[in-house]
Amino acid sequence: MPRLKGPLCQSCGLPLSRDPAGGGSNPDGTRSGEYCSHCYQQGWFTEPNISVDDMMAQMKAKLRELHFSWDLARKLAQQIPRLTRWFSAPAGNSG
């Protein structure tokens, strides 16, 4: 089973240690310690209108590609609604 190290992306739940770019980028070009490069570039979400349900489905598939077990991918995807991007969004706002 892959090891989960360090913080998780607060949009998709990907361990930032598994992000080849080391994290997303802030508007000033610095590395984001909160979001991965798949979700956040130059201070913007790459998919600003994605729903939490669609993000969960995408991440299950992505984690399977990274050789996570089906059970672990499902469990991690179930945590997505609790991440900062989704947890702090006002009702009716997916991001």
N, C-alpha and C. Protein backbone atom coordinates (compact mmCIF):
# COMPACT_ATOMS: atom_id res chain seq x y z
N MET A 1 0.84 -1.17 0.00
CA MET A 1 0.00 0.00 0.00
C MET A 1 0.89 1.24 0.00
N PRO A 2 0.56 2.27 -0.84
CA PRO A 2 1.36 3.49 -0.85
C PRO A 2 1.31 4.19 0.50
N ARG A 3 2.41 4.81 0.85
CA ARG A 3 2.47 5.54 2.12
C ARG A 3 1.89 6.94 1.94
N LEU A 4 1.16 7.39 2.94
CA LEU A 4 0.62 8.74 2.93
C LEU A 4 1.51 9.60 3.80
N LYS A 5 2.21 10.53 3.17
CA LYS A 5 3.13 11.38 3.92
C LYS A 5 2.71 12.83 3.80
N GLY A 6 2.87 13.56 4.90
CA GLY A 6 2.70 14.99 4.87
C GLY A 6 1.26 15.44 4.66
N PRO A 7 1.10 16.72 4.37
CA PRO A 7 -0.23 17.29 4.23
C PRO A 7 -0.92 16.83 2.95
N LEU A 8 -2.23 16.94 2.97
CA LEU A 8 -3.06 16.59 1.82
C LEU A 8 -3.51 17.86 1.11
N CYS A 9 -3.71 17.77 -0.20
CA CYS A 9 -4.31 18.87 -0.95
C CYS A 9 -5.69 19.13 -0.35
N GLN A 10 -5.98 20.38 -0.07
CA GLN A 10 -7.25 20.73 0.55
C GLN A 10 -8.38 20.91 -0.45
N SER A 11 -8.15 20.44 -1.68
CA SER A 11 -9.20 20.41 -2.69
C SER A 11 -9.54 18.97 -3.07
N CYS A 12 -8.50 18.16 -3.35
CA CYS A 12 -8.73 16.80 -3.85
C CYS A 12 -8.30 15.70 -2.88
N GLY A 13 -7.50 16.02 -1.88
CA GLY A 13 -7.06 15.03 -0.91
C GLY A 13 -5.79 14.29 -1.29
N LEU A 14 -5.19 14.61 -2.44
CA LEU A 14 -3.94 13.96 -2.85
C LEU A 14 -2.84 14.33 -1.86
N PRO A 15 -2.09 13.35 -1.38
CA PRO A 15 -0.95 13.70 -0.53
C PRO A 15 0.01 14.59 -1.33
N LEU A 16 0.36 15.75 -0.78
CA LEU A 16 1.24 16.66 -1.51
C LEU A 16 2.58 16.01 -1.81
N SER A 17 2.97 15.01 -1.02
CA SER A 17 4.21 14.29 -1.29
C SER A 17 4.13 13.50 -2.59
N ARG A 18 2.93 13.24 -3.10
CA ARG A 18 2.75 12.51 -4.36
C ARG A 18 2.59 13.44 -5.56
N ASP A 19 2.60 14.75 -5.32
CA ASP A 19 2.48 15.73 -6.40
C ASP A 19 3.86 15.96 -7.02
N PRO A 20 4.05 15.62 -8.30
CA PRO A 20 5.37 15.78 -8.93
C PRO A 20 5.88 17.21 -8.90
N ALA A 21 4.98 18.19 -8.87
CA ALA A 21 5.39 19.59 -8.84
C ALA A 21 5.61 20.09 -7.42
N GLY A 22 5.27 19.29 -6.42
CA GLY A 22 5.47 19.69 -5.03
C GLY A 22 4.40 20.60 -4.48
N GLY A 23 3.32 20.80 -5.22
CA GLY A 23 2.23 21.67 -4.79
C GLY A 23 1.84 22.63 -5.89
N GLY A 24 0.68 23.23 -5.71
CA GLY A 24 0.21 24.23 -6.67
C GLY A 24 1.00 25.51 -6.54
N SER A 25 0.63 26.51 -7.34
CA SER A 25 1.34 27.78 -7.30
C SER A 25 0.41 28.92 -6.92
N ASN A 26 0.92 29.79 -6.07
CA ASN A 26 0.21 30.99 -5.64
C ASN A 26 0.35 32.07 -6.72
N PRO A 27 -0.42 33.17 -6.60
CA PRO A 27 -0.34 34.23 -7.61
C PRO A 27 1.07 34.79 -7.80
N ASP A 28 1.87 34.80 -6.74
CA ASP A 28 3.23 35.35 -6.83
C ASP A 28 4.26 34.31 -7.29
N GLY A 29 3.78 33.11 -7.64
CA GLY A 29 4.67 32.06 -8.14
C GLY A 29 5.23 31.15 -7.07
N THR A 30 5.01 31.47 -5.80
CA THR A 30 5.49 30.60 -4.73
C THR A 30 4.64 29.33 -4.68
N ARG A 31 5.18 28.29 -4.08
CA ARG A 31 4.52 26.99 -3.97
C ARG A 31 3.43 27.07 -2.92
N SER A 32 2.28 26.53 -3.23
CA SER A 32 1.18 26.45 -2.27
C SER A 32 1.40 25.24 -1.37
N GLY A 33 1.28 25.42 -0.09
CA GLY A 33 1.37 24.32 0.85
C GLY A 33 0.01 23.74 1.17
N GLU A 34 -1.02 24.27 0.50
CA GLU A 34 -2.39 23.86 0.79
C GLU A 34 -3.03 23.07 -0.35
N TYR A 35 -2.64 23.37 -1.58
CA TYR A 35 -3.26 22.74 -2.75
C TYR A 35 -2.21 22.14 -3.67
N CYS A 36 -2.59 21.06 -4.38
CA CYS A 36 -1.67 20.43 -5.33
C CYS A 36 -1.68 21.15 -6.67
N SER A 37 -0.72 20.80 -7.51
CA SER A 37 -0.61 21.45 -8.82
C SER A 37 -1.72 21.04 -9.77
N HIS A 38 -2.40 19.94 -9.50
CA HIS A 38 -3.52 19.52 -10.34
C HIS A 38 -4.74 20.40 -10.09
N CYS A 39 -4.86 20.92 -8.89
CA CYS A 39 -6.04 21.69 -8.48
C CYS A 39 -5.84 23.20 -8.51
N TYR A 40 -4.60 23.65 -8.37
CA TYR A 40 -4.37 25.08 -8.10
C TYR A 40 -3.13 25.56 -8.83
N GLN A 41 -3.30 26.53 -9.73
CA GLN A 41 -2.18 27.09 -10.47
C GLN A 41 -2.31 28.60 -10.57
N GLN A 42 -1.24 29.29 -10.27
CA GLN A 42 -1.17 30.75 -10.32
C GLN A 42 -2.28 31.42 -9.51
N GLY A 43 -2.63 30.77 -8.39
CA GLY A 43 -3.61 31.35 -7.48
C GLY A 43 -5.06 31.07 -7.83
N TRP A 44 -5.29 30.19 -8.79
CA TRP A 44 -6.65 29.88 -9.22
C TRP A 44 -6.88 28.37 -9.23
N PHE A 45 -8.09 27.96 -8.92
CA PHE A 45 -8.44 26.54 -9.06
C PHE A 45 -8.49 26.21 -10.54
N THR A 46 -7.94 25.08 -10.91
CA THR A 46 -7.92 24.67 -12.31
C THR A 46 -9.31 24.27 -12.80
N GLU A 47 -10.16 23.83 -11.90
CA GLU A 47 -11.55 23.49 -12.23
C GLU A 47 -12.46 24.23 -11.23
N PRO A 48 -12.68 25.52 -11.46
CA PRO A 48 -13.41 26.32 -10.46
C PRO A 48 -14.87 25.90 -10.28
N ASN A 49 -15.45 25.26 -11.25
CA ASN A 49 -16.88 24.92 -11.16
C ASN A 49 -17.15 23.44 -10.89
N ILE A 50 -16.12 22.67 -10.58
CA ILE A 50 -16.32 21.25 -10.31
C ILE A 50 -17.11 21.07 -9.01
N SER A 51 -17.99 20.10 -9.00
CA SER A 51 -18.75 19.81 -7.79
C SER A 51 -17.94 18.88 -6.88
N VAL A 52 -18.30 18.84 -5.65
CA VAL A 52 -17.61 17.96 -4.71
C VAL A 52 -17.80 16.51 -5.12
N ASP A 53 -18.97 16.14 -5.63
CA ASP A 53 -19.21 14.76 -6.06
C ASP A 53 -18.32 14.40 -7.25
N ASP A 54 -18.17 15.33 -8.20
CA ASP A 54 -17.30 15.07 -9.34
C ASP A 54 -15.84 14.96 -8.90
N MET A 55 -15.44 15.79 -7.94
CA MET A 55 -14.07 15.72 -7.43
C MET A 55 -13.83 14.36 -6.77
N MET A 56 -14.79 13.89 -6.02
CA MET A 56 -14.65 12.59 -5.36
C MET A 56 -14.49 11.47 -6.40
N ALA A 57 -15.28 11.51 -7.46
CA ALA A 57 -15.19 10.48 -8.51
C ALA A 57 -13.84 10.56 -9.22
N GLN A 58 -13.40 11.76 -9.54
CA GLN A 58 -12.10 11.93 -10.21
C GLN A 58 -10.97 11.41 -9.34
N MET A 59 -11.02 11.71 -8.05
CA MET A 59 -9.93 11.31 -7.18
C MET A 59 -9.90 9.81 -6.95
N LYS A 60 -11.03 9.18 -6.88
CA LYS A 60 -11.03 7.71 -6.77
C LYS A 60 -10.28 7.11 -7.96
N ALA A 61 -10.58 7.60 -9.14
CA ALA A 61 -9.92 7.09 -10.35
C ALA A 61 -8.43 7.42 -10.34
N LYS A 62 -8.06 8.64 -9.95
CA LYS A 62 -6.66 9.04 -9.93
C LYS A 62 -5.86 8.23 -8.90
N LEU A 63 -6.41 8.02 -7.74
CA LEU A 63 -5.73 7.25 -6.70
C LEU A 63 -5.53 5.80 -7.15
N ARG A 64 -6.48 5.26 -7.88
CA ARG A 64 -6.32 3.90 -8.41
C ARG A 64 -5.17 3.87 -9.41
N GLU A 65 -5.04 4.92 -10.25
CA GLU A 65 -3.92 5.01 -11.19
C GLU A 65 -2.59 5.04 -10.46
N LEU A 66 -2.59 5.62 -9.26
CA LEU A 66 -1.37 5.70 -8.44
C LEU A 66 -1.16 4.44 -7.60
N HIS A 67 -1.94 3.40 -7.88
CA HIS A 67 -1.82 2.09 -7.25
C HIS A 67 -2.30 2.05 -5.80
N PHE A 68 -3.20 2.95 -5.44
CA PHE A 68 -3.85 2.86 -4.15
C PHE A 68 -4.89 1.74 -4.27
N SER A 69 -5.15 1.00 -3.19
CA SER A 69 -6.18 -0.03 -3.23
C SER A 69 -7.54 0.63 -3.42
N TRP A 70 -8.49 -0.15 -3.93
CA TRP A 70 -9.84 0.39 -4.13
C TRP A 70 -10.42 0.89 -2.81
N ASP A 71 -10.25 0.11 -1.73
CA ASP A 71 -10.79 0.52 -0.43
C ASP A 71 -10.17 1.81 0.07
N LEU A 72 -8.84 1.94 -0.06
CA LEU A 72 -8.18 3.16 0.40
C LEU A 72 -8.59 4.35 -0.47
N ALA A 73 -8.67 4.17 -1.78
CA ALA A 73 -9.10 5.25 -2.67
C ALA A 73 -10.50 5.72 -2.31
N ARG A 74 -11.39 4.78 -2.02
CA ARG A 74 -12.76 5.12 -1.63
C ARG A 74 -12.78 5.88 -0.31
N LYS A 75 -12.00 5.40 0.66
CA LYS A 75 -11.96 6.05 1.98
C LYS A 75 -11.40 7.47 1.88
N LEU A 76 -10.35 7.63 1.09
CA LEU A 76 -9.77 8.97 0.94
C LEU A 76 -10.74 9.90 0.22
N ALA A 77 -11.42 9.40 -0.80
CA ALA A 77 -12.38 10.22 -1.54
C ALA A 77 -13.53 10.66 -0.63
N GLN A 78 -13.92 9.81 0.30
CA GLN A 78 -15.00 10.16 1.22
C GLN A 78 -14.62 11.31 2.15
N GLN A 79 -13.32 11.58 2.28
CA GLN A 79 -12.85 12.67 3.14
C GLN A 79 -12.89 14.03 2.44
N ILE A 80 -13.04 14.02 1.12
CA ILE A 80 -12.97 15.27 0.35
C ILE A 80 -13.95 16.34 0.85
N PRO A 81 -15.21 16.01 1.17
CA PRO A 81 -16.12 17.07 1.64
C PRO A 81 -15.64 17.78 2.91
N ARG A 82 -14.72 17.17 3.64
CA ARG A 82 -14.21 17.78 4.88
C ARG A 82 -12.99 18.67 4.64
N LEU A 83 -12.47 18.69 3.41
CA LEU A 83 -11.28 19.50 3.11
C LEU A 83 -11.66 20.97 3.03
N THR A 84 -10.69 21.84 3.24
CA THR A 84 -10.91 23.28 3.33
C THR A 84 -11.72 23.84 2.17
N ARG A 85 -11.38 23.46 0.94
CA ARG A 85 -12.09 24.03 -0.21
C ARG A 85 -13.58 23.78 -0.12
N TRP A 86 -13.97 22.60 0.31
CA TRP A 86 -15.38 22.22 0.30
C TRP A 86 -16.05 22.52 1.63
N PHE A 87 -15.34 22.33 2.70
CA PHE A 87 -15.91 22.52 4.03
C PHE A 87 -16.25 23.98 4.28
N SER A 88 -15.41 24.89 3.76
CA SER A 88 -15.59 26.32 4.03
C SER A 88 -16.45 27.00 2.97
N ALA A 89 -16.86 26.28 1.92
CA ALA A 89 -17.67 26.89 0.87
C ALA A 89 -19.10 27.13 1.38
N PRO A 90 -19.66 28.29 1.09
CA PRO A 90 -21.06 28.54 1.47
C PRO A 90 -21.99 27.54 0.77
N ALA A 91 -23.14 27.30 1.35
CA ALA A 91 -24.11 26.38 0.77
C ALA A 91 -24.40 26.79 -0.67
N GLY A 92 -24.41 25.83 -1.56
CA GLY A 92 -24.69 26.09 -2.96
C GLY A 92 -23.48 26.52 -3.76
N ASN A 93 -22.30 26.61 -3.12
CA ASN A 93 -21.09 27.02 -3.82
C ASN A 93 -20.12 25.85 -3.80
N SER A 94 -19.76 25.36 -4.97
CA SER A 94 -18.89 24.18 -5.03
C SER A 94 -17.42 24.55 -5.03
N GLY A 95 -17.09 25.76 -4.84
CA GLY A 95 -15.68 26.09 -4.83
C GLY A 95 -15.50 27.48 -5.11
